[in-house]
Amino acid sequence: MQKNRIRQEVLAAVLTALTVAMSILVVIPVPATHGLVTLCEVGIYTSAILFGNPVGVVVGGASGFLIDIISGYPVWCLFSLVIHGLQGFTVAYMTKNRKLAIRNLLLPLLAGSTIMVVGYYLATSLLFGWPAGLASVPGNLVQVGFGIAVTVLVVGSLTKIKPNWVKG
């Protein structure tokens, strides 16, 4: 029992570090919104789908928090902790008893993405007013759309090679 808990904690820590590194090192500029697309959602979604909760919650919340601290945006840390933690929880919960197939992943990924877009709309509106919150929506839609596409590719590839730690 203790060994399994420690294994889960180490797994969550490693996946959080990987998600933070991917999000900081791989940034794609989006000229239309003057924003950036990162791989944050890919790390959160893949961890949540493959390992469930509490790994999905920890990777989501901790990576969102750490990315904001490292990037120099401390005002967003608590918002990111909650929003990305809920994202990870939702995707893990909704895929818990499902076989890993693309058709079974789309609804959970859309639900997690909705949490992110609405969460950052509310957070931005709270900090800077509703016009700023509304202005954040297009960039966040690009971010989660990219995250869904790459997550489907990653999880699809892993289920084809069938490592013993992948469910489905």
N, C-alpha and C. Protein backbone atom coordinates (compact mmCIF):
# COMPACT_ATOMS: atom_id res chain seq x y z
N MET A 1 0.83 -1.19 0.00
CA MET A 1 0.00 0.00 0.00
C MET A 1 0.88 1.26 0.00
N GLN A 2 1.84 1.33 0.91
CA GLN A 2 2.75 2.47 1.01
C GLN A 2 3.60 2.58 -0.26
N LYS A 3 4.05 1.45 -0.79
CA LYS A 3 4.88 1.44 -1.99
C LYS A 3 4.11 2.00 -3.19
N ASN A 4 2.84 1.65 -3.30
CA ASN A 4 2.00 2.14 -4.40
C ASN A 4 1.80 3.65 -4.30
N ARG A 5 1.60 4.16 -3.09
CA ARG A 5 1.42 5.59 -2.89
C ARG A 5 2.68 6.36 -3.25
N ILE A 6 3.82 5.85 -2.84
CA ILE A 6 5.09 6.49 -3.17
C ILE A 6 5.32 6.46 -4.68
N ARG A 7 5.02 5.35 -5.32
CA ARG A 7 5.15 5.25 -6.77
C ARG A 7 4.28 6.29 -7.47
N GLN A 8 3.07 6.46 -6.98
CA GLN A 8 2.15 7.44 -7.56
C GLN A 8 2.65 8.87 -7.36
N GLU A 9 3.21 9.16 -6.19
CA GLU A 9 3.75 10.50 -5.93
C GLU A 9 4.95 10.79 -6.82
N VAL A 10 5.82 9.83 -6.99
CA VAL A 10 6.99 10.01 -7.85
C VAL A 10 6.55 10.19 -9.30
N LEU A 11 5.59 9.39 -9.74
CA LEU A 11 5.07 9.50 -11.10
C LEU A 11 4.48 10.89 -11.33
N ALA A 12 3.70 11.39 -10.38
CA ALA A 12 3.10 12.73 -10.50
C ALA A 12 4.18 13.79 -10.56
N ALA A 13 5.23 13.66 -9.75
CA ALA A 13 6.31 14.64 -9.75
C ALA A 13 7.06 14.65 -11.07
N VAL A 14 7.35 13.48 -11.60
CA VAL A 14 8.08 13.38 -12.87
C VAL A 14 7.22 13.94 -14.01
N LEU A 15 5.95 13.59 -14.04
CA LEU A 15 5.07 14.08 -15.10
C LEU A 15 4.84 15.60 -14.98
N THR A 16 4.81 16.12 -13.76
CA THR A 16 4.70 17.56 -13.57
C THR A 16 5.94 18.25 -14.12
N ALA A 17 7.11 17.73 -13.79
CA ALA A 17 8.36 18.32 -14.30
C ALA A 17 8.41 18.26 -15.82
N LEU A 18 7.97 17.16 -16.40
CA LEU A 18 7.96 17.01 -17.85
C LEU A 18 6.98 18.02 -18.49
N THR A 19 5.82 18.18 -17.89
CA THR A 19 4.82 19.12 -18.41
C THR A 19 5.34 20.55 -18.33
N VAL A 20 5.97 20.91 -17.22
CA VAL A 20 6.53 22.25 -17.08
C VAL A 20 7.63 22.48 -18.13
N ALA A 21 8.52 21.51 -18.28
CA ALA A 21 9.60 21.65 -19.26
C ALA A 21 9.05 21.78 -20.68
N MET A 22 8.08 20.95 -21.03
CA MET A 22 7.47 21.03 -22.37
C MET A 22 6.82 22.38 -22.59
N SER A 23 6.18 22.90 -21.57
CA SER A 23 5.44 24.16 -21.69
C SER A 23 6.35 25.37 -21.80
N ILE A 24 7.51 25.29 -21.21
CA ILE A 24 8.43 26.42 -21.24
C ILE A 24 9.35 26.35 -22.46
N LEU A 25 9.75 25.15 -22.85
CA LEU A 25 10.69 25.00 -23.96
C LEU A 25 10.03 25.04 -25.33
N VAL A 26 8.81 24.56 -25.43
CA VAL A 26 8.12 24.53 -26.72
C VAL A 26 6.98 25.54 -26.70
N VAL A 27 7.21 26.68 -27.33
CA VAL A 27 6.18 27.71 -27.44
C VAL A 27 6.01 28.08 -28.90
N ILE A 28 4.77 28.10 -29.33
CA ILE A 28 4.45 28.40 -30.72
C ILE A 28 3.68 29.72 -30.76
N PRO A 29 4.22 30.73 -31.44
CA PRO A 29 3.51 32.01 -31.50
C PRO A 29 2.24 31.92 -32.34
N VAL A 30 1.19 32.62 -31.90
CA VAL A 30 -0.06 32.70 -32.64
C VAL A 30 -0.25 34.15 -33.06
N PRO A 31 0.08 34.49 -34.32
CA PRO A 31 0.02 35.88 -34.75
C PRO A 31 -1.37 36.51 -34.62
N ALA A 32 -2.41 35.75 -34.85
CA ALA A 32 -3.76 36.30 -34.82
C ALA A 32 -4.15 36.83 -33.44
N THR A 33 -3.65 36.17 -32.39
CA THR A 33 -4.03 36.57 -31.03
C THR A 33 -2.87 37.20 -30.26
N HIS A 34 -1.70 37.26 -30.87
CA HIS A 34 -0.49 37.78 -30.21
C HIS A 34 -0.18 36.99 -28.95
N GLY A 35 -0.52 35.72 -28.95
CA GLY A 35 -0.27 34.88 -27.80
C GLY A 35 0.65 33.73 -28.16
N LEU A 36 0.74 32.79 -27.25
CA LEU A 36 1.59 31.62 -27.45
C LEU A 36 0.79 30.36 -27.18
N VAL A 37 1.12 29.31 -27.89
CA VAL A 37 0.56 28.00 -27.63
C VAL A 37 1.67 27.15 -27.01
N THR A 38 1.37 26.48 -25.91
CA THR A 38 2.35 25.60 -25.26
C THR A 38 1.81 24.19 -25.22
N LEU A 39 2.61 23.30 -24.67
CA LEU A 39 2.19 21.90 -24.56
C LEU A 39 1.64 21.56 -23.17
N CYS A 40 1.23 22.56 -22.42
CA CYS A 40 0.71 22.34 -21.06
C CYS A 40 -0.46 21.37 -21.06
N GLU A 41 -1.44 21.61 -21.92
CA GLU A 41 -2.62 20.73 -21.95
C GLU A 41 -2.26 19.30 -22.33
N VAL A 42 -1.29 19.15 -23.21
CA VAL A 42 -0.87 17.81 -23.62
C VAL A 42 -0.37 17.02 -22.42
N GLY A 43 0.47 17.64 -21.60
CA GLY A 43 0.99 16.96 -20.41
C GLY A 43 -0.11 16.63 -19.41
N ILE A 44 -1.01 17.59 -19.20
CA ILE A 44 -2.10 17.38 -18.24
C ILE A 44 -3.04 16.28 -18.73
N TYR A 45 -3.50 16.40 -19.97
CA TYR A 45 -4.46 15.44 -20.51
C TYR A 45 -3.88 14.03 -20.60
N THR A 46 -2.65 13.92 -21.09
CA THR A 46 -2.04 12.60 -21.24
C THR A 46 -1.86 11.94 -19.88
N SER A 47 -1.40 12.70 -18.90
CA SER A 47 -1.23 12.16 -17.54
C SER A 47 -2.57 11.71 -16.96
N ALA A 48 -3.59 12.55 -17.13
CA ALA A 48 -4.92 12.23 -16.58
C ALA A 48 -5.51 11.00 -17.25
N ILE A 49 -5.36 10.88 -18.56
CA ILE A 49 -5.93 9.75 -19.28
C ILE A 49 -5.21 8.45 -18.93
N LEU A 50 -3.88 8.48 -18.92
CA LEU A 50 -3.12 7.25 -18.72
C LEU A 50 -3.04 6.81 -17.27
N PHE A 51 -3.06 7.76 -16.33
CA PHE A 51 -2.83 7.39 -14.93
C PHE A 51 -3.96 7.76 -13.98
N GLY A 52 -4.98 8.45 -14.46
CA GLY A 52 -6.15 8.76 -13.64
C GLY A 52 -5.87 9.75 -12.52
N ASN A 53 -6.75 9.75 -11.53
CA ASN A 53 -6.59 10.61 -10.36
C ASN A 53 -5.91 9.83 -9.26
N PRO A 54 -5.15 10.41 -8.40
CA PRO A 54 -4.88 11.83 -8.22
C PRO A 54 -3.77 12.40 -9.11
N VAL A 55 -3.15 11.56 -9.96
CA VAL A 55 -2.05 12.04 -10.80
C VAL A 55 -2.52 13.18 -11.71
N GLY A 56 -3.71 13.06 -12.30
CA GLY A 56 -4.23 14.10 -13.18
C GLY A 56 -4.38 15.43 -12.48
N VAL A 57 -4.88 15.41 -11.25
CA VAL A 57 -5.06 16.64 -10.47
C VAL A 57 -3.71 17.27 -10.12
N VAL A 58 -2.79 16.44 -9.65
CA VAL A 58 -1.48 16.95 -9.23
C VAL A 58 -0.72 17.52 -10.41
N VAL A 59 -0.66 16.78 -11.51
CA VAL A 59 0.07 17.27 -12.69
C VAL A 59 -0.58 18.55 -13.20
N GLY A 60 -1.90 18.59 -13.27
CA GLY A 60 -2.58 19.80 -13.73
C GLY A 60 -2.31 21.00 -12.85
N GLY A 61 -2.62 20.87 -11.58
CA GLY A 61 -2.47 22.00 -10.67
C GLY A 61 -1.03 22.44 -10.46
N ALA A 62 -0.16 21.48 -10.20
CA ALA A 62 1.24 21.82 -9.91
C ALA A 62 1.94 22.39 -11.14
N SER A 63 1.69 21.82 -12.30
CA SER A 63 2.37 22.33 -13.50
C SER A 63 1.87 23.73 -13.84
N GLY A 64 0.57 23.97 -13.74
CA GLY A 64 0.05 25.31 -14.00
C GLY A 64 0.65 26.33 -13.05
N PHE A 65 0.73 25.99 -11.78
CA PHE A 65 1.30 26.87 -10.76
C PHE A 65 2.77 27.15 -11.06
N LEU A 66 3.54 26.10 -11.30
CA LEU A 66 4.98 26.25 -11.53
C LEU A 66 5.29 27.01 -12.82
N ILE A 67 4.53 26.76 -13.87
CA ILE A 67 4.76 27.48 -15.13
C ILE A 67 4.59 28.98 -14.92
N ASP A 68 3.56 29.37 -14.18
CA ASP A 68 3.34 30.79 -13.93
C ASP A 68 4.45 31.40 -13.07
N ILE A 69 4.91 30.68 -12.07
CA ILE A 69 6.01 31.18 -11.22
C ILE A 69 7.27 31.34 -12.05
N ILE A 70 7.63 30.32 -12.81
CA ILE A 70 8.86 30.35 -13.60
C ILE A 70 8.79 31.41 -14.70
N SER A 71 7.61 31.59 -15.29
CA SER A 71 7.44 32.55 -16.39
C SER A 71 7.31 33.99 -15.90
N GLY A 72 7.22 34.19 -14.61
CA GLY A 72 7.14 35.54 -14.07
C GLY A 72 5.74 36.12 -13.99
N TYR A 73 4.74 35.26 -13.85
CA TYR A 73 3.35 35.71 -13.74
C TYR A 73 2.73 35.22 -12.44
N PRO A 74 3.24 35.67 -11.29
CA PRO A 74 2.74 35.14 -10.02
C PRO A 74 1.27 35.45 -9.75
N VAL A 75 0.73 36.50 -10.37
CA VAL A 75 -0.68 36.84 -10.15
C VAL A 75 -1.61 35.72 -10.63
N TRP A 76 -1.13 34.89 -11.55
CA TRP A 76 -1.95 33.82 -12.12
C TRP A 76 -1.79 32.49 -11.40
N CYS A 77 -0.83 32.37 -10.49
CA CYS A 77 -0.49 31.07 -9.89
C CYS A 77 -1.68 30.34 -9.27
N LEU A 78 -2.42 31.01 -8.41
CA LEU A 78 -3.53 30.34 -7.74
C LEU A 78 -4.66 30.01 -8.72
N PHE A 79 -4.90 30.91 -9.67
CA PHE A 79 -5.91 30.62 -10.68
C PHE A 79 -5.50 29.37 -11.48
N SER A 80 -4.24 29.31 -11.90
CA SER A 80 -3.77 28.17 -12.68
C SER A 80 -3.80 26.88 -11.88
N LEU A 81 -3.47 26.97 -10.61
CA LEU A 81 -3.52 25.80 -9.73
C LEU A 81 -4.92 25.19 -9.75
N VAL A 82 -5.92 26.02 -9.59
CA VAL A 82 -7.31 25.55 -9.54
C VAL A 82 -7.80 25.12 -10.92
N ILE A 83 -7.60 25.97 -11.92
CA ILE A 83 -8.14 25.69 -13.26
C ILE A 83 -7.51 24.43 -13.85
N HIS A 84 -6.18 24.35 -13.84
CA HIS A 84 -5.54 23.17 -14.42
C HIS A 84 -5.73 21.93 -13.56
N GLY A 85 -5.84 22.10 -12.25
CA GLY A 85 -6.16 20.96 -11.39
C GLY A 85 -7.53 20.39 -11.71
N LEU A 86 -8.52 21.27 -11.93
CA LEU A 86 -9.86 20.83 -12.32
C LEU A 86 -9.85 20.18 -13.70
N GLN A 87 -9.03 20.72 -14.58
CA GLN A 87 -8.89 20.12 -15.92
C GLN A 87 -8.41 18.68 -15.79
N GLY A 88 -7.34 18.48 -15.04
CA GLY A 88 -6.79 17.14 -14.86
C GLY A 88 -7.79 16.21 -14.19
N PHE A 89 -8.47 16.70 -13.14
CA PHE A 89 -9.46 15.89 -12.44
C PHE A 89 -10.58 15.46 -13.38
N THR A 90 -11.11 16.40 -14.15
CA THR A 90 -12.25 16.12 -15.02
C THR A 90 -11.90 15.09 -16.08
N VAL A 91 -10.77 15.27 -16.74
CA VAL A 91 -10.38 14.33 -17.80
C VAL A 91 -10.11 12.95 -17.20
N ALA A 92 -9.43 12.90 -16.06
CA ALA A 92 -9.16 11.60 -15.42
C ALA A 92 -10.45 10.92 -15.00
N TYR A 93 -11.36 11.67 -14.40
CA TYR A 93 -12.63 11.12 -13.94
C TYR A 93 -13.47 10.60 -15.10
N MET A 94 -13.52 11.38 -16.18
CA MET A 94 -14.37 10.99 -17.31
C MET A 94 -13.79 9.86 -18.16
N THR A 95 -12.49 9.59 -18.02
CA THR A 95 -11.89 8.48 -18.79
C THR A 95 -11.60 7.27 -17.91
N LYS A 96 -11.99 7.34 -16.65
CA LYS A 96 -11.63 6.30 -15.68
C LYS A 96 -12.03 4.90 -16.13
N ASN A 97 -13.23 4.71 -16.56
CA ASN A 97 -13.71 3.37 -16.91
C ASN A 97 -13.91 3.19 -18.41
N ARG A 98 -13.24 3.98 -19.19
CA ARG A 98 -13.40 3.90 -20.64
C ARG A 98 -12.21 3.23 -21.28
N LYS A 99 -12.48 2.54 -22.35
CA LYS A 99 -11.42 1.98 -23.17
C LYS A 99 -10.79 3.13 -23.95
N LEU A 100 -9.47 3.10 -24.09
CA LEU A 100 -8.79 4.20 -24.78
C LEU A 100 -9.00 4.08 -26.29
N ALA A 101 -9.92 4.85 -26.77
CA ALA A 101 -10.18 4.98 -28.21
C ALA A 101 -10.48 6.45 -28.45
N ILE A 102 -10.16 6.94 -29.62
CA ILE A 102 -10.34 8.37 -29.90
C ILE A 102 -11.77 8.81 -29.64
N ARG A 103 -12.74 8.01 -30.04
CA ARG A 103 -14.14 8.40 -29.84
C ARG A 103 -14.50 8.51 -28.36
N ASN A 104 -13.79 7.78 -27.50
CA ASN A 104 -14.04 7.84 -26.06
C ASN A 104 -13.29 8.99 -25.38
N LEU A 105 -12.34 9.58 -26.08
CA LEU A 105 -11.54 10.65 -25.48
C LEU A 105 -12.07 12.05 -25.77
N LEU A 106 -12.81 12.21 -26.84
CA LEU A 106 -13.19 13.55 -27.27
C LEU A 106 -14.06 14.29 -26.25
N LEU A 107 -15.06 13.65 -25.70
CA LEU A 107 -15.93 14.32 -24.72
C LEU A 107 -15.16 14.72 -23.47
N PRO A 108 -14.36 13.83 -22.86
CA PRO A 108 -13.58 14.27 -21.69
C PRO A 108 -12.60 15.41 -22.02
N LEU A 109 -11.97 15.35 -23.18
CA LEU A 109 -11.03 16.40 -23.56
C LEU A 109 -11.76 17.73 -23.79
N LEU A 110 -12.93 17.67 -24.38
CA LEU A 110 -13.72 18.89 -24.57
C LEU A 110 -14.18 19.46 -23.23
N ALA A 111 -14.54 18.59 -22.29
CA ALA A 111 -14.95 19.05 -20.96
C ALA A 111 -13.79 19.73 -20.24
N GLY A 112 -12.61 19.10 -20.28
CA GLY A 112 -11.43 19.70 -19.65
C GLY A 112 -11.07 21.03 -20.30
N SER A 113 -11.20 21.10 -21.61
CA SER A 113 -10.89 22.32 -22.34
C SER A 113 -11.88 23.43 -22.01
N THR A 114 -13.13 23.07 -21.85
CA THR A 114 -14.15 24.06 -21.47
C THR A 114 -13.82 24.65 -20.10
N ILE A 115 -13.38 23.81 -19.18
CA ILE A 115 -12.99 24.29 -17.85
C ILE A 115 -11.86 25.31 -17.97
N MET A 116 -10.89 25.02 -18.83
CA MET A 116 -9.76 25.94 -18.98
C MET A 116 -10.21 27.27 -19.58
N VAL A 117 -10.97 27.25 -20.66
CA VAL A 117 -11.39 28.48 -21.33
C VAL A 117 -12.29 29.32 -20.42
N VAL A 118 -13.27 28.69 -19.81
CA VAL A 118 -14.19 29.41 -18.92
C VAL A 118 -13.45 29.89 -17.67
N GLY A 119 -12.58 29.05 -17.12
CA GLY A 119 -11.83 29.42 -15.93
C GLY A 119 -10.96 30.64 -16.14
N TYR A 120 -10.23 30.67 -17.25
CA TYR A 120 -9.38 31.83 -17.52
C TYR A 120 -10.20 33.05 -17.94
N TYR A 121 -11.34 32.84 -18.55
CA TYR A 121 -12.23 33.98 -18.83
C TYR A 121 -12.65 34.62 -17.51
N LEU A 122 -13.08 33.79 -16.55
CA LEU A 122 -13.52 34.31 -15.25
C LEU A 122 -12.37 34.96 -14.48
N ALA A 123 -11.21 34.33 -14.50
CA ALA A 123 -10.05 34.88 -13.79
C ALA A 123 -9.61 36.21 -14.39
N THR A 124 -9.55 36.26 -15.71
CA THR A 124 -9.15 37.50 -16.38
C THR A 124 -10.19 38.59 -16.14
N SER A 125 -11.45 38.22 -16.18
CA SER A 125 -12.52 39.20 -15.91
C SER A 125 -12.43 39.73 -14.50
N LEU A 126 -12.12 38.87 -13.55
CA LEU A 126 -11.99 39.28 -12.16
C LEU A 126 -10.82 40.25 -11.98
N LEU A 127 -9.71 39.96 -12.64
CA LEU A 127 -8.52 40.80 -12.49
C LEU A 127 -8.56 42.08 -13.31
N PHE A 128 -9.07 41.98 -14.55
CA PHE A 128 -8.93 43.10 -15.49
C PHE A 128 -10.24 43.58 -16.11
N GLY A 129 -11.36 42.95 -15.77
CA GLY A 129 -12.64 43.34 -16.35
C GLY A 129 -13.09 42.39 -17.44
N TRP A 130 -14.39 42.38 -17.70
CA TRP A 130 -14.94 41.41 -18.66
C TRP A 130 -14.44 41.60 -20.09
N PRO A 131 -14.14 42.82 -20.57
CA PRO A 131 -13.61 42.91 -21.94
C PRO A 131 -12.28 42.18 -22.09
N ALA A 132 -11.43 42.27 -21.09
CA ALA A 132 -10.16 41.54 -21.13
C ALA A 132 -10.41 40.04 -21.06
N GLY A 133 -11.39 39.62 -20.24
CA GLY A 133 -11.75 38.21 -20.16
C GLY A 133 -12.21 37.68 -21.50
N LEU A 134 -13.03 38.46 -22.18
CA LEU A 134 -13.51 38.07 -23.50
C LEU A 134 -12.37 38.01 -24.51
N ALA A 135 -11.43 38.93 -24.39
CA ALA A 135 -10.28 38.95 -25.30
C ALA A 135 -9.37 37.73 -25.11
N SER A 136 -9.40 37.12 -23.93
CA SER A 136 -8.56 35.94 -23.67
C SER A 136 -9.11 34.66 -24.29
N VAL A 137 -10.39 34.66 -24.64
CA VAL A 137 -11.04 33.43 -25.12
C VAL A 137 -10.43 32.89 -26.41
N PRO A 138 -10.22 33.68 -27.47
CA PRO A 138 -9.67 33.11 -28.72
C PRO A 138 -8.32 32.42 -28.53
N GLY A 139 -7.42 33.06 -27.80
CA GLY A 139 -6.11 32.45 -27.56
C GLY A 139 -6.22 31.15 -26.79
N ASN A 140 -7.10 31.12 -25.80
CA ASN A 140 -7.29 29.90 -25.02
C ASN A 140 -7.93 28.79 -25.85
N LEU A 141 -8.81 29.17 -26.78
CA LEU A 141 -9.40 28.17 -27.68
C LEU A 141 -8.33 27.54 -28.59
N VAL A 142 -7.42 28.36 -29.08
CA VAL A 142 -6.30 27.84 -29.89
C VAL A 142 -5.45 26.89 -29.05
N GLN A 143 -5.15 27.31 -27.82
CA GLN A 143 -4.33 26.51 -26.91
C GLN A 143 -4.96 25.13 -26.66
N VAL A 144 -6.24 25.09 -26.30
CA VAL A 144 -6.86 23.80 -25.98
C VAL A 144 -7.09 22.97 -27.25
N GLY A 145 -7.35 23.62 -28.37
CA GLY A 145 -7.51 22.87 -29.62
C GLY A 145 -6.22 22.15 -29.99
N PHE A 146 -5.12 22.86 -29.87
CA PHE A 146 -3.80 22.26 -30.12
C PHE A 146 -3.55 21.13 -29.12
N GLY A 147 -3.89 21.38 -27.85
CA GLY A 147 -3.69 20.37 -26.81
C GLY A 147 -4.49 19.10 -27.06
N ILE A 148 -5.73 19.25 -27.50
CA ILE A 148 -6.56 18.08 -27.82
C ILE A 148 -5.95 17.30 -28.97
N ALA A 149 -5.55 18.00 -30.04
CA ALA A 149 -5.01 17.32 -31.22
C ALA A 149 -3.75 16.53 -30.88
N VAL A 150 -2.82 17.15 -30.17
CA VAL A 150 -1.57 16.46 -29.84
C VAL A 150 -1.82 15.33 -28.83
N THR A 151 -2.71 15.55 -27.88
CA THR A 151 -3.02 14.49 -26.90
C THR A 151 -3.59 13.26 -27.60
N VAL A 152 -4.49 13.46 -28.54
CA VAL A 152 -5.06 12.32 -29.28
C VAL A 152 -3.96 11.57 -30.01
N LEU A 153 -3.01 12.29 -30.60
CA LEU A 153 -1.89 11.63 -31.30
C LEU A 153 -1.01 10.85 -30.32
N VAL A 154 -0.68 11.46 -29.19
CA VAL A 154 0.19 10.81 -28.21
C VAL A 154 -0.47 9.59 -27.60
N VAL A 155 -1.70 9.75 -27.12
CA VAL A 155 -2.40 8.62 -26.49
C VAL A 155 -2.68 7.54 -27.52
N GLY A 156 -3.06 7.92 -28.74
CA GLY A 156 -3.28 6.94 -29.81
C GLY A 156 -2.03 6.14 -30.11
N SER A 157 -0.88 6.82 -30.14
CA SER A 157 0.39 6.12 -30.39
C SER A 157 0.73 5.17 -29.26
N LEU A 158 0.54 5.61 -28.03
CA LEU A 158 0.86 4.76 -26.88
C LEU A 158 -0.04 3.53 -26.82
N THR A 159 -1.30 3.67 -27.19
CA THR A 159 -2.19 2.51 -27.14
C THR A 159 -1.86 1.52 -28.26
N LYS A 160 -1.25 1.98 -29.34
CA LYS A 160 -0.87 1.06 -30.41
C LYS A 160 0.35 0.22 -30.02
N ILE A 161 1.30 0.80 -29.30
CA ILE A 161 2.47 0.03 -28.90
C ILE A 161 2.23 -0.75 -27.61
N LYS A 162 1.17 -0.41 -26.88
CA LYS A 162 0.70 -1.13 -25.69
C LYS A 162 1.76 -1.40 -24.63
N PRO A 163 2.38 -0.36 -24.07
CA PRO A 163 3.23 -0.64 -22.91
C PRO A 163 2.36 -1.17 -21.78
N ASN A 164 2.95 -1.90 -20.85
CA ASN A 164 2.15 -2.53 -19.80
C ASN A 164 1.52 -1.53 -18.84
N TRP A 165 1.93 -0.26 -18.85
CA TRP A 165 1.33 0.72 -17.96
C TRP A 165 0.21 1.51 -18.59
N VAL A 166 -0.12 1.24 -19.85
CA VAL A 166 -1.23 1.93 -20.52
C VAL A 166 -2.48 1.09 -20.41
N LYS A 167 -3.56 1.71 -19.91
CA LYS A 167 -4.82 0.98 -19.81
C LYS A 167 -5.45 0.88 -21.19
N GLY A 168 -6.47 0.05 -21.34
CA GLY A 168 -7.20 -0.01 -22.60
C GLY A 168 -6.89 -1.17 -23.35
